Amino acid sequence: MFGVGLAEMAMIAFVAIIVFGPDRLPVLAKQAGIMVRKARAMANSARDEIREELGPDYADLELRDLDPRNIVRRHIIEAMEDEDARVATEPVLAEGQRPPYDVDAT
């Protein structure tokens, strides 16, 4: 969870108890939970609105699909798969045959 291990969580809880005190900590935890629920509801609402505006073709759209890193990664993987398929279907040169040479490429 966010790259935070058990030791780090224990340290955060210890510091929170010292800073806020054991009396205010449950109230702050409740407020944090409410904020997380509201943020999740807003994200779901935005996702549903985007899906509705884009139409039925994008019914399975997720917000993480809009992350630029995922978009680039997906396109690179697709290009690599296309290249593998293309290379597999290309004819192999016969013995003694020279590969094509592009003067403009070098």
N, C-alpha and C. Protein backbone atom coordinates (compact mmCIF):
# COMPACT_ATOMS: atom_id res chain seq x y z
N MET A 1 0.85 -1.18 0.00
CA MET A 1 0.00 0.00 0.00
C MET A 1 0.88 1.23 0.00
N PHE A 2 1.02 1.92 -1.13
CA PHE A 2 1.79 3.14 -1.29
C PHE A 2 3.25 2.96 -0.93
N GLY A 3 3.76 1.75 -0.94
CA GLY A 3 5.16 1.50 -0.63
C GLY A 3 5.50 1.70 0.84
N VAL A 4 4.50 1.64 1.70
CA VAL A 4 4.71 1.83 3.14
C VAL A 4 4.56 0.47 3.81
N GLY A 5 5.62 0.07 4.51
CA GLY A 5 5.60 -1.22 5.19
C GLY A 5 5.03 -1.12 6.59
N LEU A 6 5.09 -2.23 7.30
CA LEU A 6 4.55 -2.30 8.65
C LEU A 6 5.31 -1.39 9.61
N ALA A 7 6.63 -1.36 9.50
CA ALA A 7 7.44 -0.52 10.39
C ALA A 7 7.11 0.96 10.18
N GLU A 8 6.96 1.36 8.92
CA GLU A 8 6.65 2.77 8.64
C GLU A 8 5.26 3.14 9.15
N MET A 9 4.29 2.22 8.98
CA MET A 9 2.94 2.48 9.48
C MET A 9 2.94 2.61 11.00
N ALA A 10 3.71 1.76 11.68
CA ALA A 10 3.80 1.84 13.14
C ALA A 10 4.40 3.17 13.57
N MET A 11 5.43 3.62 12.85
CA MET A 11 6.07 4.91 13.18
C MET A 11 5.11 6.07 12.94
N ILE A 12 4.36 6.02 11.85
CA ILE A 12 3.37 7.08 11.58
C ILE A 12 2.31 7.10 12.66
N ALA A 13 1.82 5.93 13.07
CA ALA A 13 0.81 5.86 14.13
C ALA A 13 1.38 6.39 15.45
N PHE A 14 2.62 6.06 15.76
CA PHE A 14 3.25 6.54 17.00
C PHE A 14 3.38 8.06 17.00
N VAL A 15 3.83 8.62 15.88
CA VAL A 15 3.97 10.08 15.78
C VAL A 15 2.59 10.74 15.85
N ALA A 16 1.58 10.14 15.21
CA ALA A 16 0.23 10.71 15.25
C ALA A 16 -0.31 10.73 16.67
N ILE A 17 -0.06 9.67 17.42
CA ILE A 17 -0.53 9.64 18.81
C ILE A 17 0.15 10.71 19.62
N ILE A 18 1.44 10.92 19.40
CA ILE A 18 2.17 11.95 20.16
C ILE A 18 1.71 13.34 19.76
N VAL A 19 1.57 13.59 18.45
CA VAL A 19 1.23 14.94 17.98
C VAL A 19 -0.22 15.29 18.29
N PHE A 20 -1.16 14.40 17.96
CA PHE A 20 -2.57 14.72 18.12
C PHE A 20 -3.17 14.26 19.44
N GLY A 21 -2.54 13.32 20.09
CA GLY A 21 -3.05 12.81 21.35
C GLY A 21 -4.08 11.72 21.13
N PRO A 22 -4.20 10.83 22.08
CA PRO A 22 -5.12 9.70 21.92
C PRO A 22 -6.60 10.11 21.91
N ASP A 23 -6.91 11.30 22.42
CA ASP A 23 -8.31 11.74 22.44
C ASP A 23 -8.79 12.23 21.08
N ARG A 24 -7.95 12.96 20.34
CA ARG A 24 -8.35 13.52 19.05
C ARG A 24 -8.11 12.57 17.89
N LEU A 25 -7.31 11.54 18.08
CA LEU A 25 -6.96 10.64 16.99
C LEU A 25 -8.16 9.92 16.37
N PRO A 26 -9.11 9.40 17.15
CA PRO A 26 -10.28 8.75 16.52
C PRO A 26 -11.12 9.72 15.68
N VAL A 27 -11.24 10.96 16.13
CA VAL A 27 -12.01 11.96 15.37
C VAL A 27 -11.30 12.26 14.05
N LEU A 28 -9.98 12.41 14.10
CA LEU A 28 -9.23 12.68 12.87
C LEU A 28 -9.27 11.48 11.92
N ALA A 29 -9.22 10.28 12.45
CA ALA A 29 -9.31 9.08 11.61
C ALA A 29 -10.68 9.01 10.94
N LYS A 30 -11.73 9.36 11.65
CA LYS A 30 -13.08 9.36 11.08
C LYS A 30 -13.17 10.40 9.95
N GLN A 31 -12.62 11.59 10.17
CA GLN A 31 -12.64 12.63 9.15
C GLN A 31 -11.84 12.20 7.92
N ALA A 32 -10.70 11.53 8.14
CA ALA A 32 -9.89 11.05 7.02
C ALA A 32 -10.67 10.00 6.22
N GLY A 33 -11.38 9.12 6.91
CA GLY A 33 -12.20 8.11 6.23
C GLY A 33 -13.30 8.74 5.40
N ILE A 34 -13.93 9.78 5.93
CA ILE A 34 -14.98 10.48 5.19
C ILE A 34 -14.41 11.14 3.95
N MET A 35 -13.22 11.75 4.08
CA MET A 35 -12.59 12.39 2.92
C MET A 35 -12.24 11.37 1.85
N VAL A 36 -11.74 10.21 2.26
CA VAL A 36 -11.39 9.17 1.29
C VAL A 36 -12.64 8.68 0.56
N ARG A 37 -13.75 8.50 1.29
CA ARG A 37 -15.00 8.07 0.66
C ARG A 37 -15.50 9.11 -0.33
N LYS A 38 -15.41 10.40 0.03
CA LYS A 38 -15.85 11.47 -0.89
C LYS A 38 -14.97 11.50 -2.13
N ALA A 39 -13.66 11.35 -1.97
CA ALA A 39 -12.75 11.35 -3.11
C ALA A 39 -13.04 10.18 -4.03
N ARG A 40 -13.29 9.01 -3.45
CA ARG A 40 -13.61 7.83 -4.26
C ARG A 40 -14.93 8.03 -5.01
N ALA A 41 -15.92 8.63 -4.33
CA ALA A 41 -17.21 8.88 -4.98
C ALA A 41 -17.04 9.88 -6.14
N MET A 42 -16.22 10.91 -5.94
CA MET A 42 -15.99 11.89 -7.01
C MET A 42 -15.27 11.23 -8.19
N ALA A 43 -14.30 10.37 -7.93
CA ALA A 43 -13.59 9.68 -9.01
C ALA A 43 -14.53 8.75 -9.77
N ASN A 44 -15.36 8.03 -9.06
CA ASN A 44 -16.34 7.15 -9.73
C ASN A 44 -17.33 7.95 -10.55
N SER A 45 -17.75 9.09 -10.02
CA SER A 45 -18.68 9.95 -10.74
C SER A 45 -18.03 10.48 -12.02
N ALA A 46 -16.77 10.89 -11.93
CA ALA A 46 -16.07 11.40 -13.11
C ALA A 46 -15.91 10.29 -14.15
N ARG A 47 -15.56 9.09 -13.70
CA ARG A 47 -15.41 7.96 -14.62
C ARG A 47 -16.73 7.67 -15.33
N ASP A 48 -17.82 7.63 -14.56
CA ASP A 48 -19.14 7.35 -15.15
C ASP A 48 -19.55 8.43 -16.14
N GLU A 49 -19.24 9.68 -15.82
CA GLU A 49 -19.58 10.78 -16.72
C GLU A 49 -18.77 10.69 -18.01
N ILE A 50 -17.48 10.35 -17.90
CA ILE A 50 -16.66 10.19 -19.10
C ILE A 50 -17.19 9.04 -19.95
N ARG A 51 -17.52 7.93 -19.32
CA ARG A 51 -18.08 6.79 -20.06
C ARG A 51 -19.36 7.17 -20.78
N GLU A 52 -20.22 7.93 -20.08
CA GLU A 52 -21.50 8.33 -20.67
C GLU A 52 -21.28 9.25 -21.86
N GLU A 53 -20.33 10.18 -21.75
CA GLU A 53 -20.08 11.12 -22.84
C GLU A 53 -19.43 10.44 -24.04
N LEU A 54 -18.57 9.45 -23.81
CA LEU A 54 -17.88 8.80 -24.91
C LEU A 54 -18.74 7.77 -25.62
N GLY A 55 -19.76 7.28 -24.98
CA GLY A 55 -20.67 6.35 -25.62
C GLY A 55 -20.37 4.90 -25.31
N PRO A 56 -21.12 4.01 -25.96
CA PRO A 56 -21.01 2.58 -25.63
C PRO A 56 -19.68 1.93 -26.03
N ASP A 57 -18.94 2.56 -26.95
CA ASP A 57 -17.65 1.99 -27.35
C ASP A 57 -16.65 1.98 -26.20
N TYR A 58 -16.81 2.87 -25.26
CA TYR A 58 -15.88 3.00 -24.14
C TYR A 58 -16.53 2.61 -22.81
N ALA A 59 -17.43 1.65 -22.83
CA ALA A 59 -18.14 1.24 -21.62
C ALA A 59 -17.22 0.62 -20.59
N ASP A 60 -16.09 0.06 -21.04
CA ASP A 60 -15.17 -0.58 -20.11
C ASP A 60 -13.99 0.33 -19.74
N LEU A 61 -14.11 1.62 -19.99
CA LEU A 61 -13.04 2.57 -19.70
C LEU A 61 -12.80 2.69 -18.20
N GLU A 62 -11.54 2.65 -17.81
CA GLU A 62 -11.14 2.89 -16.43
C GLU A 62 -10.26 4.13 -16.41
N LEU A 63 -10.25 4.85 -15.29
CA LEU A 63 -9.45 6.07 -15.19
C LEU A 63 -7.96 5.76 -15.32
N ARG A 64 -7.52 4.60 -14.85
CA ARG A 64 -6.10 4.27 -14.96
C ARG A 64 -5.69 4.07 -16.42
N ASP A 65 -6.67 3.84 -17.31
CA ASP A 65 -6.36 3.73 -18.73
C ASP A 65 -5.94 5.08 -19.31
N LEU A 66 -6.27 6.16 -18.65
CA LEU A 66 -5.94 7.50 -19.13
C LEU A 66 -4.57 7.97 -18.64
N ASP A 67 -3.89 7.15 -17.86
CA ASP A 67 -2.56 7.49 -17.36
C ASP A 67 -1.57 7.45 -18.53
N PRO A 68 -0.85 8.52 -18.78
CA PRO A 68 0.07 8.55 -19.93
C PRO A 68 1.09 7.42 -19.91
N ARG A 69 1.55 7.01 -18.74
CA ARG A 69 2.51 5.91 -18.68
C ARG A 69 1.90 4.62 -19.21
N ASN A 70 0.64 4.36 -18.85
CA ASN A 70 -0.04 3.16 -19.33
C ASN A 70 -0.30 3.22 -20.83
N ILE A 71 -0.64 4.40 -21.32
CA ILE A 71 -0.90 4.56 -22.75
C ILE A 71 0.36 4.27 -23.55
N VAL A 72 1.48 4.85 -23.13
CA VAL A 72 2.74 4.62 -23.83
C VAL A 72 3.14 3.15 -23.74
N ARG A 73 3.03 2.58 -22.55
CA ARG A 73 3.38 1.16 -22.36
C ARG A 73 2.53 0.27 -23.26
N ARG A 74 1.24 0.54 -23.33
CA ARG A 74 0.35 -0.28 -24.16
C ARG A 74 0.72 -0.18 -25.63
N HIS A 75 1.03 1.04 -26.10
CA HIS A 75 1.39 1.21 -27.50
C HIS A 75 2.73 0.57 -27.82
N ILE A 76 3.66 0.62 -26.90
CA ILE A 76 4.96 -0.04 -27.13
C ILE A 76 4.77 -1.54 -27.21
N ILE A 77 3.98 -2.10 -26.31
CA ILE A 77 3.74 -3.55 -26.33
C ILE A 77 3.04 -3.96 -27.63
N GLU A 78 2.04 -3.17 -28.06
CA GLU A 78 1.35 -3.48 -29.31
C GLU A 78 2.31 -3.41 -30.49
N ALA A 79 3.19 -2.40 -30.52
CA ALA A 79 4.15 -2.27 -31.61
C ALA A 79 5.12 -3.44 -31.62
N MET A 80 5.54 -3.87 -30.44
CA MET A 80 6.46 -5.01 -30.37
C MET A 80 5.76 -6.28 -30.85
N GLU A 81 4.50 -6.47 -30.49
CA GLU A 81 3.77 -7.65 -30.95
C GLU A 81 3.57 -7.61 -32.46
N ASP A 82 3.26 -6.41 -33.00
CA ASP A 82 3.11 -6.27 -34.45
C ASP A 82 4.42 -6.58 -35.15
N GLU A 83 5.53 -6.09 -34.59
CA GLU A 83 6.85 -6.34 -35.17
C GLU A 83 7.17 -7.83 -35.15
N ASP A 84 6.86 -8.50 -34.04
CA ASP A 84 7.11 -9.94 -33.94
C ASP A 84 6.28 -10.69 -34.98
N ALA A 85 5.03 -10.29 -35.17
CA ALA A 85 4.16 -10.95 -36.15
C ALA A 85 4.67 -10.68 -37.56
N ARG A 86 5.13 -9.46 -37.80
CA ARG A 86 5.63 -9.11 -39.13
C ARG A 86 6.92 -9.87 -39.44
N VAL A 87 7.82 -9.95 -38.47
CA VAL A 87 9.09 -10.65 -38.67
C VAL A 87 8.84 -12.13 -38.90
N ALA A 88 7.87 -12.68 -38.20
CA ALA A 88 7.58 -14.11 -38.35
C ALA A 88 7.01 -14.43 -39.73
N THR A 89 6.35 -13.47 -40.37
CA THR A 89 5.74 -13.74 -41.67
C THR A 89 6.61 -13.31 -42.83
N GLU A 90 7.70 -12.57 -42.58
CA GLU A 90 8.57 -12.14 -43.66
C GLU A 90 9.34 -13.33 -44.22
N PRO A 91 9.54 -13.35 -45.51
CA PRO A 91 10.30 -14.46 -46.09
C PRO A 91 11.78 -14.35 -45.71
N VAL A 92 12.40 -15.49 -45.57
CA VAL A 92 13.82 -15.54 -45.26
C VAL A 92 14.57 -15.42 -46.58
N LEU A 93 15.70 -14.73 -46.58
CA LEU A 93 16.48 -14.57 -47.80
C LEU A 93 17.06 -15.91 -48.24
N ALA A 94 17.04 -16.12 -49.52
CA ALA A 94 17.64 -17.33 -50.07
C ALA A 94 19.16 -17.22 -49.98
N GLU A 95 19.83 -18.32 -50.05
CA GLU A 95 21.28 -18.33 -49.94
C GLU A 95 21.88 -17.54 -51.10
N GLY A 96 22.76 -16.63 -50.77
CA GLY A 96 23.41 -15.80 -51.76
C GLY A 96 22.65 -14.53 -52.09
N GLN A 97 21.42 -14.40 -51.65
CA GLN A 97 20.61 -13.21 -51.93
C GLN A 97 20.98 -12.12 -50.93
N ARG A 98 21.13 -10.89 -51.43
CA ARG A 98 21.50 -9.78 -50.58
C ARG A 98 20.24 -9.10 -50.06
N PRO A 99 20.25 -8.64 -48.81
CA PRO A 99 19.08 -7.93 -48.29
C PRO A 99 18.92 -6.59 -48.98
N PRO A 100 17.70 -6.05 -48.97
CA PRO A 100 17.49 -4.74 -49.61
C PRO A 100 18.30 -3.67 -48.89
N TYR A 101 18.76 -2.69 -49.64
CA TYR A 101 19.59 -1.63 -49.10
C TYR A 101 18.98 -0.29 -49.45
N ASP A 102 18.84 0.56 -48.46
CA ASP A 102 18.26 1.89 -48.66
C ASP A 102 19.35 2.92 -48.55
N VAL A 103 19.70 3.55 -49.62
CA VAL A 103 20.79 4.53 -49.65
C VAL A 103 20.43 5.75 -48.79
N ASP A 104 19.16 6.14 -48.78
CA ASP A 104 18.74 7.32 -48.04
C ASP A 104 18.74 7.10 -46.53
N ALA A 105 18.69 5.85 -46.10
CA ALA A 105 18.61 5.56 -44.66
C ALA A 105 19.96 5.66 -43.98
N THR A 106 21.05 5.59 -44.76
CA THR A 106 22.37 5.62 -44.13
C THR A 106 23.10 6.90 -44.40
